[in-house]
Amino acid sequence: MQVEKEEILHIANLACLNIKDEEIEEYRKNLQDILNWVDIVNRVDTSNINETICSTNNINIFRKDEIEEFQDKELLLQNAPEKQNNMFNIPKVIQ
């Protein structure tokens, strides 16, 4: 399939792009290269290849989400620039 100048202009119009006349040939070549690559991929014989969902046998292992009280709050807060009521005091983000 050859990409024509009119097709580039039509695609540019659909995408609301303003393409200069001197850019049309570059866009045409780029789109042609993409379509040639897609054609190569489409011609690959995959009839003897099994479907693959993942490239490895790894699975996600999740831990149970459990709430635990931190025992040493002073140790936790020792690096806080500011603290108030045994909590981190941070600057207001939303005005």
PDB file of N, CA and C in Angstrom:
ATOM      1  N   MET A   1       0.842  -1.185   0.000  1.00  0.00           N
ATOM      2  CA  MET A   1       0.000   0.000   0.000  1.00  0.00           C
ATOM      3  C   MET A   1       0.885   1.246   0.000  1.00  0.00           C
ATOM      4  N   GLN A   2       0.679   2.091  -0.951  1.00  0.00           N
ATOM      5  CA  GLN A   2       1.419   3.341  -1.038  1.00  0.00           C
ATOM      6  C   GLN A   2       0.602   4.470  -0.425  1.00  0.00           C
ATOM      7  N   VAL A   3       1.244   5.289   0.375  1.00  0.00           N
ATOM      8  CA  VAL A   3       0.583   6.436   0.992  1.00  0.00           C
ATOM      9  C   VAL A   3       0.708   7.620   0.046  1.00  0.00           C
ATOM     10  N   GLU A   4      -0.407   8.225  -0.253  1.00  0.00           N
ATOM     11  CA  GLU A   4      -0.430   9.365  -1.176  1.00  0.00           C
ATOM     12  C   GLU A   4      -0.502  10.675  -0.396  1.00  0.00           C
ATOM     13  N   LYS A   5      -0.136  11.742  -1.077  1.00  0.00           N
ATOM     14  CA  LYS A   5      -0.144  13.080  -0.487  1.00  0.00           C
ATOM     15  C   LYS A   5      -1.549  13.430   0.020  1.00  0.00           C
ATOM     16  N   GLU A   6      -2.573  13.062  -0.723  1.00  0.00           N
ATOM     17  CA  GLU A   6      -3.952  13.383  -0.343  1.00  0.00           C
ATOM     18  C   GLU A   6      -4.333  12.696   0.973  1.00  0.00           C
ATOM     19  N   GLU A   7      -3.820  11.476   1.172  1.00  0.00           N
ATOM     20  CA  GLU A   7      -4.114  10.764   2.415  1.00  0.00           C
ATOM     21  C   GLU A   7      -3.456  11.446   3.615  1.00  0.00           C
ATOM     22  N   ILE A   8      -2.247  11.936   3.418  1.00  0.00           N
ATOM     23  CA  ILE A   8      -1.557  12.666   4.492  1.00  0.00           C
ATOM     24  C   ILE A   8      -2.343  13.924   4.835  1.00  0.00           C
ATOM     25  N   LEU A   9      -2.784  14.648   3.834  1.00  0.00           N
ATOM     26  CA  LEU A   9      -3.556  15.865   4.072  1.00  0.00           C
ATOM     27  C   LEU A   9      -4.889  15.545   4.758  1.00  0.00           C
ATOM     28  N   HIS A  10      -5.512  14.439   4.370  1.00  0.00           N
ATOM     29  CA  HIS A  10      -6.777  14.036   4.989  1.00  0.00           C
ATOM     30  C   HIS A  10      -6.562  13.673   6.461  1.00  0.00           C
ATOM     31  N   ILE A  11      -5.519  12.915   6.757  1.00  0.00           N
ATOM     32  CA  ILE A  11      -5.208  12.541   8.147  1.00  0.00           C
ATOM     33  C   ILE A  11      -4.876  13.783   8.959  1.00  0.00           C
ATOM     34  N   ALA A  12      -4.108  14.691   8.382  1.00  0.00           N
ATOM     35  CA  ALA A  12      -3.758  15.930   9.077  1.00  0.00           C
ATOM     36  C   ALA A  12      -5.012  16.744   9.374  1.00  0.00           C
ATOM     37  N   ASN A  13      -5.926  16.774   8.438  1.00  0.00           N
ATOM     38  CA  ASN A  13      -7.184  17.497   8.632  1.00  0.00           C
ATOM     39  C   ASN A  13      -7.996  16.861   9.762  1.00  0.00           C
ATOM     40  N   LEU A  14      -8.077  15.520   9.776  1.00  0.00           N
ATOM     41  CA  LEU A  14      -8.818  14.831  10.837  1.00  0.00           C
ATOM     42  C   LEU A  14      -8.202  15.083  12.213  1.00  0.00           C
ATOM     43  N   ALA A  15      -6.878  15.200  12.249  1.00  0.00           N
ATOM     44  CA  ALA A  15      -6.170  15.423  13.508  1.00  0.00           C
ATOM     45  C   ALA A  15      -6.018  16.910  13.834  1.00  0.00           C
ATOM     46  N   CYS A  16      -6.599  17.759  13.008  1.00  0.00           N
ATOM     47  CA  CYS A  16      -6.500  19.224  13.190  1.00  0.00           C
ATOM     48  C   CYS A  16      -5.042  19.683  13.242  1.00  0.00           C
ATOM     49  N   LEU A  17      -4.224  19.140  12.334  1.00  0.00           N
ATOM     50  CA  LEU A  17      -2.820  19.523  12.244  1.00  0.00           C
ATOM     51  C   LEU A  17      -2.616  20.423  11.042  1.00  0.00           C
ATOM     52  N   ASN A  18      -1.795  21.420  11.218  1.00  0.00           N
ATOM     53  CA  ASN A  18      -1.421  22.289  10.111  1.00  0.00           C
ATOM     54  C   ASN A  18      -0.055  21.839   9.609  1.00  0.00           C
ATOM     55  N   ILE A  19      -0.031  21.172   8.475  1.00  0.00           N
ATOM     56  CA  ILE A  19       1.220  20.668   7.906  1.00  0.00           C
ATOM     57  C   ILE A  19       1.614  21.575   6.747  1.00  0.00           C
ATOM     58  N   LYS A  20       2.876  21.977   6.775  1.00  0.00           N
ATOM     59  CA  LYS A  20       3.401  22.793   5.684  1.00  0.00           C
ATOM     60  C   LYS A  20       3.650  21.894   4.476  1.00  0.00           C
ATOM     61  N   ASP A  21       3.608  22.476   3.289  1.00  0.00           N
ATOM     62  CA  ASP A  21       3.806  21.713   2.058  1.00  0.00           C
ATOM     63  C   ASP A  21       5.139  20.971   2.042  1.00  0.00           C
ATOM     64  N   GLU A  22       6.179  21.603   2.587  1.00  0.00           N
ATOM     65  CA  GLU A  22       7.496  20.963   2.577  1.00  0.00           C
ATOM     66  C   GLU A  22       7.596  19.814   3.596  1.00  0.00           C
ATOM     67  N   GLU A  23       6.641  19.697   4.520  1.00  0.00           N
ATOM     68  CA  GLU A  23       6.645  18.613   5.509  1.00  0.00           C
ATOM     69  C   GLU A  23       5.866  17.384   5.031  1.00  0.00           C
ATOM     70  N   ILE A  24       5.039  17.531   4.023  1.00  0.00           N
ATOM     71  CA  ILE A  24       4.156  16.451   3.579  1.00  0.00           C
ATOM     72  C   ILE A  24       4.954  15.212   3.170  1.00  0.00           C
ATOM     73  N   GLU A  25       6.024  15.386   2.429  1.00  0.00           N
ATOM     74  CA  GLU A  25       6.815  14.244   1.961  1.00  0.00           C
ATOM     75  C   GLU A  25       7.461  13.490   3.131  1.00  0.00           C
ATOM     76  N   GLU A  26       7.921  14.231   4.130  1.00  0.00           N
ATOM     77  CA  GLU A  26       8.519  13.580   5.308  1.00  0.00           C
ATOM     78  C   GLU A  26       7.466  12.758   6.066  1.00  0.00           C
ATOM     79  N   TYR A  27       6.274  13.329   6.243  1.00  0.00           N
ATOM     80  CA  TYR A  27       5.188  12.592   6.899  1.00  0.00           C
ATOM     81  C   TYR A  27       4.780  11.373   6.072  1.00  0.00           C
ATOM     82  N   ARG A  28       4.752  11.522   4.768  1.00  0.00           N
ATOM     83  CA  ARG A  28       4.381  10.416   3.890  1.00  0.00           C
ATOM     84  C   ARG A  28       5.379   9.271   4.022  1.00  0.00           C
ATOM     85  N   LYS A  29       6.685   9.595   4.033  1.00  0.00           N
ATOM     86  CA  LYS A  29       7.716   8.563   4.183  1.00  0.00           C
ATOM     87  C   LYS A  29       7.611   7.877   5.547  1.00  0.00           C
ATOM     88  N   ASN A  30       7.408   8.655   6.599  1.00  0.00           N
ATOM     89  CA  ASN A  30       7.296   8.072   7.944  1.00  0.00           C
ATOM     90  C   ASN A  30       6.098   7.140   8.046  1.00  0.00           C
ATOM     91  N   LEU A  31       4.957   7.573   7.535  1.00  0.00           N
ATOM     92  CA  LEU A  31       3.767   6.730   7.576  1.00  0.00           C
ATOM     93  C   LEU A  31       3.959   5.493   6.712  1.00  0.00           C
ATOM     94  N   GLN A  32       4.616   5.639   5.583  1.00  0.00           N
ATOM     95  CA  GLN A  32       4.889   4.500   4.711  1.00  0.00           C
ATOM     96  C   GLN A  32       5.784   3.486   5.429  1.00  0.00           C
ATOM     97  N   ASP A  33       6.808   3.963   6.148  1.00  0.00           N
ATOM     98  CA  ASP A  33       7.692   3.072   6.910  1.00  0.00           C
ATOM     99  C   ASP A  33       6.911   2.304   7.982  1.00  0.00           C
ATOM    100  N   ILE A  34       6.015   2.997   8.654  1.00  0.00           N
ATOM    101  CA  ILE A  34       5.196   2.352   9.689  1.00  0.00           C
ATOM    102  C   ILE A  34       4.311   1.277   9.074  1.00  0.00           C
ATOM    103  N   LEU A  35       3.663   1.597   7.977  1.00  0.00           N
ATOM    104  CA  LEU A  35       2.776   0.630   7.324  1.00  0.00           C
ATOM    105  C   LEU A  35       3.557  -0.553   6.760  1.00  0.00           C
ATOM    106  N   ASN A  36       4.762  -0.322   6.259  1.00  0.00           N
ATOM    107  CA  ASN A  36       5.603  -1.423   5.783  1.00  0.00           C
ATOM    108  C   ASN A  36       5.978  -2.353   6.936  1.00  0.00           C
ATOM    109  N   TRP A  37       6.310  -1.782   8.089  1.00  0.00           N
ATOM    110  CA  TRP A  37       6.653  -2.578   9.265  1.00  0.00           C
ATOM    111  C   TRP A  37       5.445  -3.398   9.722  1.00  0.00           C
ATOM    112  N   VAL A  38       4.268  -2.786   9.745  1.00  0.00           N
ATOM    113  CA  VAL A  38       3.048  -3.497  10.130  1.00  0.00           C
ATOM    114  C   VAL A  38       2.781  -4.638   9.158  1.00  0.00           C
ATOM    115  N   ASP A  39       3.031  -4.425   7.899  1.00  0.00           N
ATOM    116  CA  ASP A  39       2.831  -5.476   6.904  1.00  0.00           C
ATOM    117  C   ASP A  39       3.763  -6.656   7.168  1.00  0.00           C
ATOM    118  N   ILE A  40       4.995  -6.375   7.534  1.00  0.00           N
ATOM    119  CA  ILE A  40       5.946  -7.444   7.867  1.00  0.00           C
ATOM    120  C   ILE A  40       5.456  -8.224   9.078  1.00  0.00           C
ATOM    121  N   VAL A  41       5.004  -7.527  10.103  1.00  0.00           N
ATOM    122  CA  VAL A  41       4.499  -8.185  11.314  1.00  0.00           C
ATOM    123  C   VAL A  41       3.261  -9.021  10.983  1.00  0.00           C
ATOM    124  N   ASN A  42       2.391  -8.500  10.149  1.00  0.00           N
ATOM    125  CA  ASN A  42       1.170  -9.228   9.786  1.00  0.00           C
ATOM    126  C   ASN A  42       1.462 -10.508   9.007  1.00  0.00           C
ATOM    127  N   ARG A  43       2.578 -10.567   8.286  1.00  0.00           N
ATOM    128  CA  ARG A  43       2.903 -11.724   7.470  1.00  0.00           C
ATOM    129  C   ARG A  43       3.615 -12.831   8.246  1.00  0.00           C
ATOM    130  N   VAL A  44       3.949 -12.582   9.503  1.00  0.00           N
ATOM    131  CA  VAL A  44       4.649 -13.591  10.303  1.00  0.00           C
ATOM    132  C   VAL A  44       3.716 -14.768  10.554  1.00  0.00           C
ATOM    133  N   ASP A  45       4.234 -15.979  10.326  1.00  0.00           N
ATOM    134  CA  ASP A  45       3.455 -17.195  10.541  1.00  0.00           C
ATOM    135  C   ASP A  45       3.467 -17.540  12.030  1.00  0.00           C
ATOM    136  N   THR A  46       2.325 -17.404  12.674  1.00  0.00           N
ATOM    137  CA  THR A  46       2.203 -17.705  14.099  1.00  0.00           C
ATOM    138  C   THR A  46       1.350 -18.937  14.350  1.00  0.00           C
ATOM    139  N   SER A  47       1.127 -19.746  13.332  1.00  0.00           N
ATOM    140  CA  SER A  47       0.235 -20.893  13.469  1.00  0.00           C
ATOM    141  C   SER A  47       0.778 -21.947  14.436  1.00  0.00           C
ATOM    142  N   ASN A  48       2.083 -22.083  14.562  1.00  0.00           N
ATOM    143  CA  ASN A  48       2.674 -23.088  15.454  1.00  0.00           C
ATOM    144  C   ASN A  48       3.182 -22.498  16.761  1.00  0.00           C
ATOM    145  N   ILE A  49       2.746 -21.333  17.097  1.00  0.00           N
ATOM    146  CA  ILE A  49       3.203 -20.669  18.319  1.00  0.00           C
ATOM    147  C   ILE A  49       2.059 -20.640  19.315  1.00  0.00           C
ATOM    148  N   ASN A  50       2.351 -21.094  20.533  1.00  0.00           N
ATOM    149  CA  ASN A  50       1.335 -21.087  21.586  1.00  0.00           C
ATOM    150  C   ASN A  50       1.113 -19.674  22.108  1.00  0.00           C
ATOM    151  N   GLU A  51      -0.097 -19.454  22.567  1.00  0.00           N
ATOM    152  CA  GLU A  51      -0.447 -18.163  23.142  1.00  0.00           C
ATOM    153  C   GLU A  51       0.345 -17.944  24.427  1.00  0.00           C
ATOM    154  N   THR A  52       0.851 -16.736  24.607  1.00  0.00           N
ATOM    155  CA  THR A  52       1.631 -16.401  25.791  1.00  0.00           C
ATOM    156  C   THR A  52       0.973 -15.230  26.505  1.00  0.00           C
ATOM    157  N   ILE A  53       0.732 -15.425  27.779  1.00  0.00           N
ATOM    158  CA  ILE A  53       0.164 -14.341  28.573  1.00  0.00           C
ATOM    159  C   ILE A  53       1.284 -13.559  29.247  1.00  0.00           C
ATOM    160  N   CYS A  54       2.315 -14.262  29.665  1.00  0.00           N
ATOM    161  CA  CYS A  54       3.431 -13.633  30.366  1.00  0.00           C
ATOM    162  C   CYS A  54       4.716 -14.303  29.901  1.00  0.00           C
ATOM    163  N   SER A  55       5.796 -13.582  29.862  1.00  0.00           N
ATOM    164  CA  SER A  55       7.048 -14.145  29.380  1.00  0.00           C
ATOM    165  C   SER A  55       7.789 -14.948  30.448  1.00  0.00           C
ATOM    166  N   THR A  56       7.350 -14.853  31.711  1.00  0.00           N
ATOM    167  CA  THR A  56       7.969 -15.629  32.783  1.00  0.00           C
ATOM    168  C   THR A  56       6.887 -16.381  33.546  1.00  0.00           C
ATOM    169  N   ASN A  57       7.317 -17.260  34.406  1.00  0.00           N
ATOM    170  CA  ASN A  57       6.376 -18.013  35.232  1.00  0.00           C
ATOM    171  C   ASN A  57       6.112 -17.342  36.574  1.00  0.00           C
ATOM    172  N   ASN A  58       6.634 -16.146  36.760  1.00  0.00           N
ATOM    173  CA  ASN A  58       6.434 -15.439  38.027  1.00  0.00           C
ATOM    174  C   ASN A  58       4.967 -15.073  38.194  1.00  0.00           C
ATOM    175  N   ILE A  59       4.510 -15.122  39.427  1.00  0.00           N
ATOM    176  CA  ILE A  59       3.153 -14.694  39.743  1.00  0.00           C
ATOM    177  C   ILE A  59       3.221 -13.644  40.839  1.00  0.00           C
ATOM    178  N   ASN A  60       2.181 -12.849  40.939  1.00  0.00           N
ATOM    179  CA  ASN A  60       2.128 -11.842  41.994  1.00  0.00           C
ATOM    180  C   ASN A  60       1.843 -12.520  43.323  1.00  0.00           C
ATOM    181  N   ILE A  61       2.629 -12.175  44.311  1.00  0.00           N
ATOM    182  CA  ILE A  61       2.401 -12.681  45.663  1.00  0.00           C
ATOM    183  C   ILE A  61       2.140 -11.458  46.533  1.00  0.00           C
ATOM    184  N   PHE A  62       0.921 -11.377  47.024  1.00  0.00           N
ATOM    185  CA  PHE A  62       0.538 -10.230  47.825  1.00  0.00           C
ATOM    186  C   PHE A  62       0.511 -10.612  49.296  1.00  0.00           C
ATOM    187  N   ARG A  63       0.874  -9.687  50.135  1.00  0.00           N
ATOM    188  CA  ARG A  63       0.754  -9.929  51.569  1.00  0.00           C
ATOM    189  C   ARG A  63      -0.575  -9.375  52.036  1.00  0.00           C
ATOM    190  N   LYS A  64      -1.052  -9.896  53.130  1.00  0.00           N
ATOM    191  CA  LYS A  64      -2.305  -9.417  53.697  1.00  0.00           C
ATOM    192  C   LYS A  64      -2.089  -8.009  54.239  1.00  0.00           C
ATOM    193  N   ASP A  65      -3.018  -7.122  53.972  1.00  0.00           N
ATOM    194  CA  ASP A  65      -2.937  -5.742  54.427  1.00  0.00           C
ATOM    195  C   ASP A  65      -3.450  -5.679  55.855  1.00  0.00           C
ATOM    196  N   GLU A  66      -2.518  -5.555  56.796  1.00  0.00           N
ATOM    197  CA  GLU A  66      -2.887  -5.532  58.206  1.00  0.00           C
ATOM    198  C   GLU A  66      -2.413  -4.232  58.839  1.00  0.00           C
ATOM    199  N   ILE A  67      -3.241  -3.656  59.668  1.00  0.00           N
ATOM    200  CA  ILE A  67      -2.892  -2.431  60.379  1.00  0.00           C
ATOM    201  C   ILE A  67      -2.156  -2.815  61.656  1.00  0.00           C
ATOM    202  N   GLU A  68      -0.982  -2.216  61.848  1.00  0.00           N
ATOM    203  CA  GLU A  68      -0.204  -2.465  63.055  1.00  0.00           C
ATOM    204  C   GLU A  68       0.172  -1.129  63.670  1.00  0.00           C
ATOM    205  N   GLU A  69       0.083  -1.054  64.960  1.00  0.00           N
ATOM    206  CA  GLU A  69       0.463   0.161  65.686  1.00  0.00           C
ATOM    207  C   GLU A  69       1.983   0.190  65.802  1.00  0.00           C
ATOM    208  N   PHE A  70       2.585   1.318  65.422  1.00  0.00           N
ATOM    209  CA  PHE A  70       4.033   1.457  65.542  1.00  0.00           C
ATOM    210  C   PHE A  70       4.367   1.672  67.002  1.00  0.00           C
ATOM    211  N   GLN A  71       5.298   0.893  67.522  1.00  0.00           N
ATOM    212  CA  GLN A  71       5.568   0.904  68.961  1.00  0.00           C
ATOM    213  C   GLN A  71       6.379   2.118  69.420  1.00  0.00           C
ATOM    214  N   ASP A  72       7.379   2.516  68.668  1.00  0.00           N
ATOM    215  CA  ASP A  72       8.258   3.599  69.110  1.00  0.00           C
ATOM    216  C   ASP A  72       7.971   4.869  68.314  1.00  0.00           C
ATOM    217  N   LYS A  73       6.938   5.619  68.745  1.00  0.00           N
ATOM    218  CA  LYS A  73       6.539   6.825  68.011  1.00  0.00           C
ATOM    219  C   LYS A  73       7.611   7.906  68.051  1.00  0.00           C
ATOM    220  N   GLU A  74       8.352   8.003  69.158  1.00  0.00           N
ATOM    221  CA  GLU A  74       9.418   9.006  69.243  1.00  0.00           C
ATOM    222  C   GLU A  74      10.512   8.725  68.214  1.00  0.00           C
ATOM    223  N   LEU A  75      10.845   7.466  68.029  1.00  0.00           N
ATOM    224  CA  LEU A  75      11.827   7.096  67.024  1.00  0.00           C
ATOM    225  C   LEU A  75      11.321   7.450  65.627  1.00  0.00           C
ATOM    226  N   LEU A  76      10.050   7.218  65.409  1.00  0.00           N
ATOM    227  CA  LEU A  76       9.445   7.540  64.119  1.00  0.00           C
ATOM    228  C   LEU A  76       9.463   9.042  63.863  1.00  0.00           C
ATOM    229  N   LEU A  77       9.187   9.831  64.877  1.00  0.00           N
ATOM    230  CA  LEU A  77       9.070  11.284  64.708  1.00  0.00           C
ATOM    231  C   LEU A  77      10.382  12.037  64.883  1.00  0.00           C
ATOM    232  N   GLN A  78      11.468  11.344  65.194  1.00  0.00           N
ATOM    233  CA  GLN A  78      12.722  12.050  65.476  1.00  0.00           C
ATOM    234  C   GLN A  78      13.270  12.800  64.263  1.00  0.00           C
ATOM    235  N   ASN A  79      12.939  12.375  63.049  1.00  0.00           N
ATOM    236  CA  ASN A  79      13.428  13.059  61.848  1.00  0.00           C
ATOM    237  C   ASN A  79      12.413  14.038  61.266  1.00  0.00           C
ATOM    238  N   ALA A  80      11.289  14.203  61.928  1.00  0.00           N
ATOM    239  CA  ALA A  80      10.268  15.125  61.425  1.00  0.00           C
ATOM    240  C   ALA A  80      10.752  16.559  61.592  1.00  0.00           C
ATOM    241  N   PRO A  81      10.683  17.383  60.533  1.00  0.00           N
ATOM    242  CA  PRO A  81      11.079  18.787  60.671  1.00  0.00           C
ATOM    243  C   PRO A  81      10.201  19.510  61.687  1.00  0.00           C
ATOM    244  N   GLU A  82       8.912  19.185  61.682  1.00  0.00           N
ATOM    245  CA  GLU A  82       7.974  19.753  62.661  1.00  0.00           C
ATOM    246  C   GLU A  82       7.000  18.664  63.076  1.00  0.00           C
ATOM    247  N   LYS A  83       6.617  18.677  64.346  1.00  0.00           N
ATOM    248  CA  LYS A  83       5.616  17.732  64.813  1.00  0.00           C
ATOM    249  C   LYS A  83       4.628  18.450  65.717  1.00  0.00           C
ATOM    250  N   GLN A  84       3.420  17.929  65.736  1.00  0.00           N
ATOM    251  CA  GLN A  84       2.356  18.524  66.530  1.00  0.00           C
ATOM    252  C   GLN A  84       1.407  17.400  66.957  1.00  0.00           C
ATOM    253  N   ASN A  85       1.086  17.331  68.221  1.00  0.00           N
ATOM    254  CA  ASN A  85       0.194  16.301  68.760  1.00  0.00           C
ATOM    255  C   ASN A  85       0.638  14.892  68.374  1.00  0.00           C
ATOM    256  N   ASN A  86       1.945  14.645  68.457  1.00  0.00           N
ATOM    257  CA  ASN A  86       2.506  13.328  68.175  1.00  0.00           C
ATOM    258  C   ASN A  86       2.288  12.900  66.718  1.00  0.00           C
ATOM    259  N   MET A  87       2.245  13.888  65.799  1.00  0.00           N
ATOM    260  CA  MET A  87       2.074  13.619  64.377  1.00  0.00           C
ATOM    261  C   MET A  87       3.012  14.528  63.590  1.00  0.00           C
ATOM    262  N   PHE A  88       3.276  14.156  62.321  1.00  0.00           N
ATOM    263  CA  PHE A  88       4.037  15.025  61.432  1.00  0.00           C
ATOM    264  C   PHE A  88       3.210  16.267  61.145  1.00  0.00           C
ATOM    265  N   ASN A  89       3.831  17.436  61.198  1.00  0.00           N
ATOM    266  CA  ASN A  89       3.170  18.682  60.841  1.00  0.00           C
ATOM    267  C   ASN A  89       3.749  19.120  59.498  1.00  0.00           C
ATOM    268  N   ILE A  90       2.912  19.139  58.483  1.00  0.00           N
ATOM    269  CA  ILE A  90       3.373  19.496  57.148  1.00  0.00           C
ATOM    270  C   ILE A  90       2.674  20.770  56.671  1.00  0.00           C
ATOM    271  N   PRO A  91       3.288  21.478  55.729  1.00  0.00           N
ATOM    272  CA  PRO A  91       2.645  22.698  55.232  1.00  0.00           C
ATOM    273  C   PRO A  91       1.354  22.382  54.472  1.00  0.00           C
ATOM    274  N   LYS A  92       0.449  23.334  54.495  1.00  0.00           N
ATOM    275  CA  LYS A  92      -0.805  23.188  53.777  1.00  0.00           C
ATOM    276  C   LYS A  92      -0.535  23.092  52.289  1.00  0.00           C
ATOM    277  N   VAL A  93      -1.148  22.112  51.618  1.00  0.00           N
ATOM    278  CA  VAL A  93      -0.924  21.886  50.204  1.00  0.00           C
ATOM    279  C   VAL A  93      -1.954  22.635  49.370  1.00  0.00           C
ATOM    280  N   ILE A  94      -3.201  22.599  49.801  1.00  0.00           N
ATOM    281  CA  ILE A  94      -4.282  23.268  49.070  1.00  0.00           C
ATOM    282  C   ILE A  94      -4.657  24.535  49.839  1.00  0.00           C
ATOM    283  N   GLN A  95      -4.716  25.629  49.133  1.00  0.00           N
ATOM    284  CA  GLN A  95      -5.025  26.919  49.780  1.00  0.00           C
ATOM    285  C   GLN A  95      -6.502  27.144  49.909  1.00  0.00           C
TER     286      GLN A  95
END
